[in-house]
PDB file of N, CA and C in Angstrom:
ATOM      1  N   MET A   1     104.640 102.300 125.661  1.00  0.00           N
ATOM      2  CA  MET A   1     104.457 103.565 125.126  1.00  0.00           C
ATOM      3  C   MET A   1     102.828 104.047 125.646  1.00  0.00           C
ATOM      4  N   SER A   2     102.616 105.469 125.947  1.00  0.00           N
ATOM      5  CA  SER A   2     101.541 105.803 126.327  1.00  0.00           C
ATOM      6  C   SER A   2     101.248 107.005 125.689  1.00  0.00           C
ATOM      7  N   ILE A   3      99.844 107.530 125.601  1.00  0.00           N
ATOM      8  CA  ILE A   3      99.496 108.719 124.955  1.00  0.00           C
ATOM      9  C   ILE A   3      99.427 109.941 126.224  1.00  0.00           C
ATOM     10  N   THR A   4      99.810 111.031 126.054  1.00  0.00           N
ATOM     11  CA  THR A   4      99.737 112.241 126.986  1.00  0.00           C
ATOM     12  C   THR A   4      98.586 113.077 126.487  1.00  0.00           C
ATOM     13  N   ASN A   5      98.333 113.857 127.347  1.00  0.00           N
ATOM     14  CA  ASN A   5      97.069 114.979 126.878  1.00  0.00           C
ATOM     15  C   ASN A   5      97.911 115.794 126.068  1.00  0.00           C
ATOM     16  N   GLN A   6      99.161 116.144 126.094  1.00  0.00           N
ATOM     17  CA  GLN A   6      99.787 116.920 124.983  1.00  0.00           C
ATOM     18  C   GLN A   6      99.851 116.183 123.656  1.00  0.00           C
ATOM     19  N   ASP A   7      99.618 115.099 123.488  1.00  0.00           N
ATOM     20  CA  ASP A   7      99.540 114.278 122.338  1.00  0.00           C
ATOM     21  C   ASP A   7      98.296 114.239 121.724  1.00  0.00           C
ATOM     22  N   VAL A   8      97.391 114.364 122.503  1.00  0.00           N
ATOM     23  CA  VAL A   8      95.786 114.441 122.038  1.00  0.00           C
ATOM     24  C   VAL A   8      95.725 115.844 121.735  1.00  0.00           C
ATOM     25  N   GLN A   9      96.333 116.893 122.393  1.00  0.00           N
ATOM     26  CA  GLN A   9      96.211 118.152 122.050  1.00  0.00           C
ATOM     27  C   GLN A   9      96.696 118.499 120.721  1.00  0.00           C
ATOM     28  N   HIS A  10      97.955 117.953 120.336  1.00  0.00           N
ATOM     29  CA  HIS A  10      98.659 118.087 118.925  1.00  0.00           C
ATOM     30  C   HIS A  10      97.878 117.598 117.987  1.00  0.00           C
ATOM     31  N   VAL A  11      97.251 116.189 118.019  1.00  0.00           N
ATOM     32  CA  VAL A  11      96.486 115.748 116.998  1.00  0.00           C
ATOM     33  C   VAL A  11      95.285 116.347 116.783  1.00  0.00           C
ATOM     34  N   ALA A  12      94.590 116.998 117.898  1.00  0.00           N
ATOM     35  CA  ALA A  12      93.341 117.795 117.739  1.00  0.00           C
ATOM     36  C   ALA A  12      93.773 119.028 117.107  1.00  0.00           C
ATOM     37  N   LYS A  13      94.768 119.697 117.289  1.00  0.00           N
ATOM     38  CA  LYS A  13      95.336 120.782 116.476  1.00  0.00           C
ATOM     39  C   LYS A  13      95.413 120.515 115.146  1.00  0.00           C
ATOM     40  N   LEU A  14      96.255 119.382 114.709  1.00  0.00           N
ATOM     41  CA  LEU A  14      96.340 118.906 113.215  1.00  0.00           C
ATOM     42  C   LEU A  14      94.866 118.734 112.781  1.00  0.00           C
ATOM     43  N   ALA A  15      93.910 118.057 113.415  1.00  0.00           N
ATOM     44  CA  ALA A  15      92.697 117.763 112.810  1.00  0.00           C
ATOM     45  C   ALA A  15      91.698 119.105 112.928  1.00  0.00           C
ATOM     46  N   ARG A  16      92.246 120.154 113.644  1.00  0.00           N
ATOM     47  CA  ARG A  16      91.430 121.265 113.733  1.00  0.00           C
ATOM     48  C   ARG A  16      90.273 120.885 114.444  1.00  0.00           C
ATOM     49  N   LEU A  17      90.392 120.298 115.670  1.00  0.00           N
ATOM     50  CA  LEU A  17      89.046 119.870 116.412  1.00  0.00           C
ATOM     51  C   LEU A  17      89.497 120.859 117.677  1.00  0.00           C
ATOM     52  N   ASN A  18      88.347 121.528 118.197  1.00  0.00           N
ATOM     53  CA  ASN A  18      88.400 122.077 119.456  1.00  0.00           C
ATOM     54  C   ASN A  18      87.726 120.917 120.566  1.00  0.00           C
ATOM     55  N   LEU A  19      88.730 120.734 121.364  1.00  0.00           N
ATOM     56  CA  LEU A  19      88.303 119.697 122.427  1.00  0.00           C
ATOM     57  C   LEU A  19      88.464 120.342 123.863  1.00  0.00           C
ATOM     58  N   SER A  20      87.392 120.056 124.499  1.00  0.00           N
ATOM     59  CA  SER A  20      87.377 120.552 125.950  1.00  0.00           C
ATOM     60  C   SER A  20      88.262 119.836 126.808  1.00  0.00           C
ATOM     61  N   ALA A  21      88.587 120.311 127.851  1.00  0.00           N
ATOM     62  CA  ALA A  21      89.533 119.505 129.005  1.00  0.00           C
ATOM     63  C   ALA A  21      89.010 118.195 129.135  1.00  0.00           C
ATOM     64  N   ASP A  22      87.557 117.945 129.367  1.00  0.00           N
ATOM     65  CA  ASP A  22      86.889 116.742 129.843  1.00  0.00           C
ATOM     66  C   ASP A  22      87.236 115.774 128.341  1.00  0.00           C
ATOM     67  N   GLU A  23      86.908 116.192 127.212  1.00  0.00           N
ATOM     68  CA  GLU A  23      87.091 115.319 125.938  1.00  0.00           C
ATOM     69  C   GLU A  23      88.900 114.913 125.875  1.00  0.00           C
ATOM     70  N   GLU A  24      89.635 115.959 126.137  1.00  0.00           N
ATOM     71  CA  GLU A  24      90.821 115.790 126.025  1.00  0.00           C
ATOM     72  C   GLU A  24      91.494 114.391 126.998  1.00  0.00           C
ATOM     73  N   GLN A  25      90.850 114.424 128.341  1.00  0.00           N
ATOM     74  CA  GLN A  25      91.096 113.448 129.146  1.00  0.00           C
ATOM     75  C   GLN A  25      90.505 112.223 128.803  1.00  0.00           C
ATOM     76  N   LYS A  26      89.211 112.355 128.325  1.00  0.00           N
ATOM     77  CA  LYS A  26      88.530 110.854 127.777  1.00  0.00           C
ATOM     78  C   LYS A  26      89.327 110.403 126.755  1.00  0.00           C
ATOM     79  N   PHE A  27      89.723 111.184 125.583  1.00  0.00           N
ATOM     80  CA  PHE A  27      90.643 110.484 124.686  1.00  0.00           C
ATOM     81  C   PHE A  27      91.663 110.028 124.909  1.00  0.00           C
ATOM     82  N   THR A  28      92.534 110.779 125.779  1.00  0.00           N
ATOM     83  CA  THR A  28      93.602 110.256 126.185  1.00  0.00           C
ATOM     84  C   THR A  28      93.644 108.726 126.943  1.00  0.00           C
ATOM     85  N   GLU A  29      92.601 108.693 127.890  1.00  0.00           N
ATOM     86  CA  GLU A  29      92.380 107.487 128.539  1.00  0.00           C
ATOM     87  C   GLU A  29      91.873 106.312 127.545  1.00  0.00           C
ATOM     88  N   GLN A  30      91.029 106.659 126.653  1.00  0.00           N
ATOM     89  CA  GLN A  30      90.718 105.695 125.506  1.00  0.00           C
ATOM     90  C   GLN A  30      91.936 104.975 124.709  1.00  0.00           C
ATOM     91  N   LEU A  31      92.702 106.132 124.225  1.00  0.00           N
ATOM     92  CA  LEU A  31      93.691 105.882 123.274  1.00  0.00           C
ATOM     93  C   LEU A  31      94.814 104.976 124.120  1.00  0.00           C
ATOM     94  N   ASN A  32      95.001 105.002 125.407  1.00  0.00           N
ATOM     95  CA  ASN A  32      95.838 104.497 126.297  1.00  0.00           C
ATOM     96  C   ASN A  32      95.285 103.098 126.599  1.00  0.00           C
ATOM     97  N   ALA A  33      94.040 102.902 126.584  1.00  0.00           N
ATOM     98  CA  ALA A  33      93.490 101.665 126.776  1.00  0.00           C
ATOM     99  C   ALA A  33      93.564 100.904 125.345  1.00  0.00           C
ATOM    100  N   ILE A  34      93.472 101.456 124.126  1.00  0.00           N
ATOM    101  CA  ILE A  34      93.602 100.692 123.085  1.00  0.00           C
ATOM    102  C   ILE A  34      95.093 100.370 122.862  1.00  0.00           C
ATOM    103  N   LEU A  35      96.182 101.215 123.328  1.00  0.00           N
ATOM    104  CA  LEU A  35      97.587 100.900 123.159  1.00  0.00           C
ATOM    105  C   LEU A  35      97.871  99.613 124.200  1.00  0.00           C
ATOM    106  N   GLN A  36      97.105  99.653 125.360  1.00  0.00           N
ATOM    107  CA  GLN A  36      97.571  98.512 126.563  1.00  0.00           C
ATOM    108  C   GLN A  36      96.939  97.158 125.883  1.00  0.00           C
ATOM    109  N   TYR A  37      95.834  97.133 125.014  1.00  0.00           N
ATOM    110  CA  TYR A  37      95.114  96.043 124.468  1.00  0.00           C
ATOM    111  C   TYR A  37      96.183  95.547 123.495  1.00  0.00           C
ATOM    112  N   ALA A  38      96.647  96.550 122.753  1.00  0.00           N
ATOM    113  CA  ALA A  38      97.534  96.122 121.414  1.00  0.00           C
ATOM    114  C   ALA A  38      98.970  95.373 122.116  1.00  0.00           C
ATOM    115  N   GLU A  39      99.188  95.884 123.212  1.00  0.00           N
ATOM    116  CA  GLU A  39     100.407  95.357 123.780  1.00  0.00           C
ATOM    117  C   GLU A  39     100.493  93.900 124.126  1.00  0.00           C
ATOM    118  N   LYS A  40      99.046  93.527 124.507  1.00  0.00           N
ATOM    119  CA  LYS A  40      98.795  92.020 124.833  1.00  0.00           C
ATOM    120  C   LYS A  40      99.400  91.167 123.660  1.00  0.00           C
ATOM    121  N   LEU A  41      99.231  91.914 122.432  1.00  0.00           N
ATOM    122  CA  LEU A  41      99.610  91.042 121.305  1.00  0.00           C
ATOM    123  C   LEU A  41     101.110  90.602 121.363  1.00  0.00           C
ATOM    124  N   ASN A  42     101.910  91.380 121.867  1.00  0.00           N
ATOM    125  CA  ASN A  42     103.206  91.015 122.000  1.00  0.00           C
ATOM    126  C   ASN A  42     103.584  89.841 122.951  1.00  0.00           C
ATOM    127  N   GLU A  43     102.671  89.660 123.578  1.00  0.00           N
ATOM    128  CA  GLU A  43     102.879  88.485 124.731  1.00  0.00           C
ATOM    129  C   GLU A  43     102.664  86.950 123.755  1.00  0.00           C
ATOM    130  N   LEU A  44     102.164  87.015 122.722  1.00  0.00           N
ATOM    131  CA  LEU A  44     101.698  85.984 122.078  1.00  0.00           C
ATOM    132  C   LEU A  44     102.935  85.171 121.306  1.00  0.00           C
ATOM    133  N   ASP A  45     103.094  83.894 121.301  1.00  0.00           N
ATOM    134  CA  ASP A  45     103.995  83.217 120.897  1.00  0.00           C
ATOM    135  C   ASP A  45     103.728  83.133 119.418  1.00  0.00           C
ATOM    136  N   THR A  46     104.389  83.703 118.410  1.00  0.00           N
ATOM    137  CA  THR A  46     104.218  83.740 117.127  1.00  0.00           C
ATOM    138  C   THR A  46     105.266  83.140 116.166  1.00  0.00           C
ATOM    139  N   ASP A  47     106.199  82.354 116.882  1.00  0.00           N
ATOM    140  CA  ASP A  47     107.308  81.649 116.348  1.00  0.00           C
ATOM    141  C   ASP A  47     106.457  80.527 115.346  1.00  0.00           C
ATOM    142  N   GLY A  48     107.121  80.230 114.110  1.00  0.00           N
ATOM    143  CA  GLY A  48     106.495  79.299 113.271  1.00  0.00           C
ATOM    144  C   GLY A  48     105.271  79.702 112.494  1.00  0.00           C
ATOM    145  N   VAL A  49     104.774  80.991 112.878  1.00  0.00           N
ATOM    146  CA  VAL A  49     103.487  81.270 112.035  1.00  0.00           C
ATOM    147  C   VAL A  49     103.853  82.158 110.972  1.00  0.00           C
ATOM    148  N   GLU A  50     103.398  81.927 109.844  1.00  0.00           N
ATOM    149  CA  GLU A  50     103.640  82.559 108.606  1.00  0.00           C
ATOM    150  C   GLU A  50     102.959  83.821 108.426  1.00  0.00           C
ATOM    151  N   PRO A  51     103.657  84.828 108.032  1.00  0.00           N
ATOM    152  CA  PRO A  51     103.190  86.115 107.852  1.00  0.00           C
ATOM    153  C   PRO A  51     101.941  86.023 106.541  1.00  0.00           C
ATOM    154  N   THR A  52     100.961  86.607 106.700  1.00  0.00           N
ATOM    155  CA  THR A  52      99.788  86.517 105.927  1.00  0.00           C
ATOM    156  C   THR A  52      99.318  87.891 105.419  1.00  0.00           C
ATOM    157  N   THR A  53      98.719  87.962 104.305  1.00  0.00           N
ATOM    158  CA  THR A  53      97.977  89.322 103.928  1.00  0.00           C
ATOM    159  C   THR A  53      96.615  89.182 103.953  1.00  0.00           C
ATOM    160  N   HIS A  54      96.117  87.882 103.818  1.00  0.00           N
ATOM    161  CA  HIS A  54      94.612  87.666 103.869  1.00  0.00           C
ATOM    162  C   HIS A  54      94.286  86.533 104.817  1.00  0.00           C
ATOM    163  N   VAL A  55      93.138  86.566 105.175  1.00  0.00           N
ATOM    164  CA  VAL A  55      92.735  85.493 106.196  1.00  0.00           C
ATOM    165  C   VAL A  55      92.540  84.293 105.350  1.00  0.00           C
ATOM    166  N   LEU A  56      91.983  84.178 104.150  1.00  0.00           N
ATOM    167  CA  LEU A  56      91.730  83.376 103.356  1.00  0.00           C
ATOM    168  C   LEU A  56      92.655  83.090 102.129  1.00  0.00           C
ATOM    169  N   PRO A  57      93.015  82.054 101.734  1.00  0.00           N
ATOM    170  CA  PRO A  57      94.084  81.947 100.670  1.00  0.00           C
ATOM    171  C   PRO A  57      93.609  82.545  99.385  1.00  0.00           C
ATOM    172  N   VAL A  58      94.174  83.613  98.790  1.00  0.00           N
ATOM    173  CA  VAL A  58      93.743  84.395  97.495  1.00  0.00           C
ATOM    174  C   VAL A  58      94.704  84.088  96.590  1.00  0.00           C
ATOM    175  N   SER A  59      94.299  83.854  95.598  1.00  0.00           N
ATOM    176  CA  SER A  59      95.207  83.610  94.235  1.00  0.00           C
ATOM    177  C   SER A  59      94.825  84.661  93.315  1.00  0.00           C
ATOM    178  N   ASN A  60      95.836  84.799  92.387  1.00  0.00           N
ATOM    179  CA  ASN A  60      95.409  85.833  91.126  1.00  0.00           C
ATOM    180  C   ASN A  60      94.692  85.040  90.208  1.00  0.00           C
ATOM    181  N   VAL A  61      93.168  85.592  89.819  1.00  0.00           N
ATOM    182  CA  VAL A  61      92.419  84.904  88.868  1.00  0.00           C
ATOM    183  C   VAL A  61      92.399  85.569  87.556  1.00  0.00           C
ATOM    184  N   MET A  62      93.392  86.315  87.272  1.00  0.00           N
ATOM    185  CA  MET A  62      93.442  87.043  85.969  1.00  0.00           C
ATOM    186  C   MET A  62      93.851  85.936  84.855  1.00  0.00           C
ATOM    187  N   ARG A  63      93.395  85.897  83.612  1.00  0.00           N
ATOM    188  CA  ARG A  63      93.682  85.284  82.472  1.00  0.00           C
ATOM    189  C   ARG A  63      95.152  85.778  81.995  1.00  0.00           C
ATOM    190  N   GLU A  64      95.568  84.945  81.136  1.00  0.00           N
ATOM    191  CA  GLU A  64      96.882  85.263  80.600  1.00  0.00           C
ATOM    192  C   GLU A  64      96.687  86.299  79.351  1.00  0.00           C
ATOM    193  N   ASP A  65      97.499  87.172  79.417  1.00  0.00           N
ATOM    194  CA  ASP A  65      97.418  88.107  78.157  1.00  0.00           C
ATOM    195  C   ASP A  65      97.718  87.619  76.865  1.00  0.00           C
ATOM    196  N   VAL A  66      96.994  87.250  76.227  1.00  0.00           N
ATOM    197  CA  VAL A  66      96.867  86.768  74.992  1.00  0.00           C
ATOM    198  C   VAL A  66      96.414  87.688  73.977  1.00  0.00           C
ATOM    199  N   LYS A  67      97.355  87.760  72.782  1.00  0.00           N
ATOM    200  CA  LYS A  67      96.920  88.710  71.783  1.00  0.00           C
ATOM    201  C   LYS A  67      95.875  88.011  70.708  1.00  0.00           C
ATOM    202  N   ARG A  68      95.036  88.607  70.398  1.00  0.00           N
ATOM    203  CA  ARG A  68      93.711  88.009  69.712  1.00  0.00           C
ATOM    204  C   ARG A  68      93.071  88.862  68.943  1.00  0.00           C
ATOM    205  N   GLU A  69      92.345  88.324  67.962  1.00  0.00           N
ATOM    206  CA  GLU A  69      91.506  89.565  67.038  1.00  0.00           C
ATOM    207  C   GLU A  69      90.478  90.173  67.860  1.00  0.00           C
ATOM    208  N   SER A  70      90.571  91.618  67.247  1.00  0.00           N
ATOM    209  CA  SER A  70      89.384  92.343  68.138  1.00  0.00           C
ATOM    210  C   SER A  70      88.153  92.401  67.361  1.00  0.00           C
ATOM    211  N   LEU A  71      87.132  92.898  67.666  1.00  0.00           N
ATOM    212  CA  LEU A  71      85.890  92.935  67.140  1.00  0.00           C
ATOM    213  C   LEU A  71      86.078  93.836  65.764  1.00  0.00           C
ATOM    214  N   PRO A  72      85.467  93.602  64.727  1.00  0.00           N
ATOM    215  CA  PRO A  72      85.571  94.072  63.382  1.00  0.00           C
ATOM    216  C   PRO A  72      84.670  95.761  63.729  1.00  0.00           C
ATOM    217  N   ILE A  73      84.985  96.727  63.018  1.00  0.00           N
ATOM    218  CA  ILE A  73      84.640  98.021  63.360  1.00  0.00           C
ATOM    219  C   ILE A  73      83.174  98.092  63.253  1.00  0.00           C
ATOM    220  N   GLU A  74      82.791  97.310  62.164  1.00  0.00           N
ATOM    221  CA  GLU A  74      81.221  97.376  61.752  1.00  0.00           C
ATOM    222  C   GLU A  74      80.453  96.824  62.877  1.00  0.00           C
ATOM    223  N   LYS A  75      80.831  95.873  63.786  1.00  0.00           N
ATOM    224  CA  LYS A  75      80.215  95.426  64.803  1.00  0.00           C
ATOM    225  C   LYS A  75      80.404  96.202  66.131  1.00  0.00           C
ATOM    226  N   VAL A  76      81.393  96.993  66.146  1.00  0.00           N
ATOM    227  CA  VAL A  76      81.534  98.030  67.231  1.00  0.00           C
ATOM    228  C   VAL A  76      80.577  98.951  67.111  1.00  0.00           C
ATOM    229  N   MET A  77      80.466  99.453  65.677  1.00  0.00           N
ATOM    230  CA  MET A  77      79.643 100.830  65.442  1.00  0.00           C
ATOM    231  C   MET A  77      78.197 100.466  65.688  1.00  0.00           C
ATOM    232  N   LEU A  78      77.809  99.205  65.772  1.00  0.00           N
ATOM    233  CA  LEU A  78      76.465  99.012  65.953  1.00  0.00           C
ATOM    234  C   LEU A  78      76.009  99.549  67.409  1.00  0.00           C
ATOM    235  N   ASN A  79      76.948  99.638  68.416  1.00  0.00           N
ATOM    236  CA  ASN A  79      76.600 100.094  69.677  1.00  0.00           C
ATOM    237  C   ASN A  79      76.517 101.526  69.707  1.00  0.00           C
ATOM    238  N   ALA A  80      77.214 102.211  68.666  1.00  0.00           N
ATOM    239  CA  ALA A  80      77.250 103.856  68.736  1.00  0.00           C
ATOM    240  C   ALA A  80      75.818 104.390  68.403  1.00  0.00           C
ATOM    241  N   PRO A  81      75.504 105.453  69.232  1.00  0.00           N
ATOM    242  CA  PRO A  81      74.348 106.169  69.084  1.00  0.00           C
ATOM    243  C   PRO A  81      74.323 106.955  67.841  1.00  0.00           C
ATOM    244  N   GLU A  82      75.610 107.453  67.637  1.00  0.00           N
ATOM    245  CA  GLU A  82      76.122 108.415  66.249  1.00  0.00           C
ATOM    246  C   GLU A  82      77.369 107.861  65.930  1.00  0.00           C
ATOM    247  N   GLU A  83      77.612 107.895  64.722  1.00  0.00           N
ATOM    248  CA  GLU A  83      78.801 107.511  64.164  1.00  0.00           C
ATOM    249  C   GLU A  83      79.342 108.586  63.134  1.00  0.00           C
ATOM    250  N   GLU A  84      80.718 108.756  62.976  1.00  0.00           N
ATOM    251  CA  GLU A  84      81.077 109.478  61.801  1.00  0.00           C
ATOM    252  C   GLU A  84      82.288 108.935  61.556  1.00  0.00           C
ATOM    253  N   ASP A  85      82.703 108.770  60.280  1.00  0.00           N
ATOM    254  CA  ASP A  85      84.045 108.330  59.721  1.00  0.00           C
ATOM    255  C   ASP A  85      84.680 107.131  60.556  1.00  0.00           C
ATOM    256  N   GLY A  86      83.832 106.025  60.947  1.00  0.00           N
ATOM    257  CA  GLY A  86      84.117 104.945  61.679  1.00  0.00           C
ATOM    258  C   GLY A  86      84.552 105.214  63.265  1.00  0.00           C
ATOM    259  N   GLN A  87      83.930 106.285  63.749  1.00  0.00           N
ATOM    260  CA  GLN A  87      84.125 106.633  65.181  1.00  0.00           C
ATOM    261  C   GLN A  87      82.878 107.017  65.693  1.00  0.00           C
ATOM    262  N   PHE A  88      83.111 106.912  67.142  1.00  0.00           N
ATOM    263  CA  PHE A  88      81.873 107.307  68.030  1.00  0.00           C
ATOM    264  C   PHE A  88      81.660 108.794  67.868  1.00  0.00           C
ATOM    265  N   LYS A  89      80.594 109.374  67.496  1.00  0.00           N
ATOM    266  CA  LYS A  89      80.445 110.685  67.464  1.00  0.00           C
ATOM    267  C   LYS A  89      79.804 111.060  68.940  1.00  0.00           C
ATOM    268  N   VAL A  90      80.389 112.223  69.600  1.00  0.00           N
ATOM    269  CA  VAL A  90      79.920 112.645  70.754  1.00  0.00           C
ATOM    270  C   VAL A  90      79.709 114.119  70.733  1.00  0.00           C
ATOM    271  N   PRO A  91      79.027 114.608  71.831  1.00  0.00           N
ATOM    272  CA  PRO A  91      78.687 116.099  71.870  1.00  0.00           C
ATOM    273  C   PRO A  91      80.029 116.901  72.298  1.00  0.00           C
ATOM    274  N   ALA A  92      80.269 117.997  71.745  1.00  0.00           N
ATOM    275  CA  ALA A  92      81.450 118.559  72.135  1.00  0.00           C
ATOM    276  C   ALA A  92      81.564 119.130  73.592  1.00  0.00           C
ATOM    277  N   VAL A  93      82.555 119.020  74.245  1.00  0.00           N
ATOM    278  CA  VAL A  93      82.571 119.425  75.718  1.00  0.00           C
ATOM    279  C   VAL A  93      83.261 120.798  75.927  1.00  0.00           C
ATOM    280  N   LEU A  94      83.939 121.096  74.921  1.00  0.00           N
ATOM    281  CA  LEU A  94      84.696 122.350  75.060  1.00  0.00           C
ATOM    282  C   LEU A  94      84.446 123.287  74.012  1.00  0.00           C
ATOM    283  N   GLU A  95      84.677 124.420  74.034  1.00  0.00           N
ATOM    284  CA  GLU A  95      84.061 125.592  73.084  1.00  0.00           C
ATOM    285  C   GLU A  95      85.249 125.783  72.311  1.00  0.00           C
TER     286      GLU A  95
END
């Protein structure tokens, strides 16, 4: 697979970039160099290599979802700057 000048022009148009002819040629060469390097990965023997999502082992560290008592409303309202009828009172944002 290789990138052509037309491919670069198409992507530049989608990105609304105005590229000069020199820039188009430069980007075409650079993108082709990237693809050639990526093709080298196909030469590697990956038989027996487990697919991974992370370099390091990662495990879910979330606790079990267990039902428990919540704070009493009196303690919660100690954090409220203003309170009205057992609820936080906030300034109106709509008229």
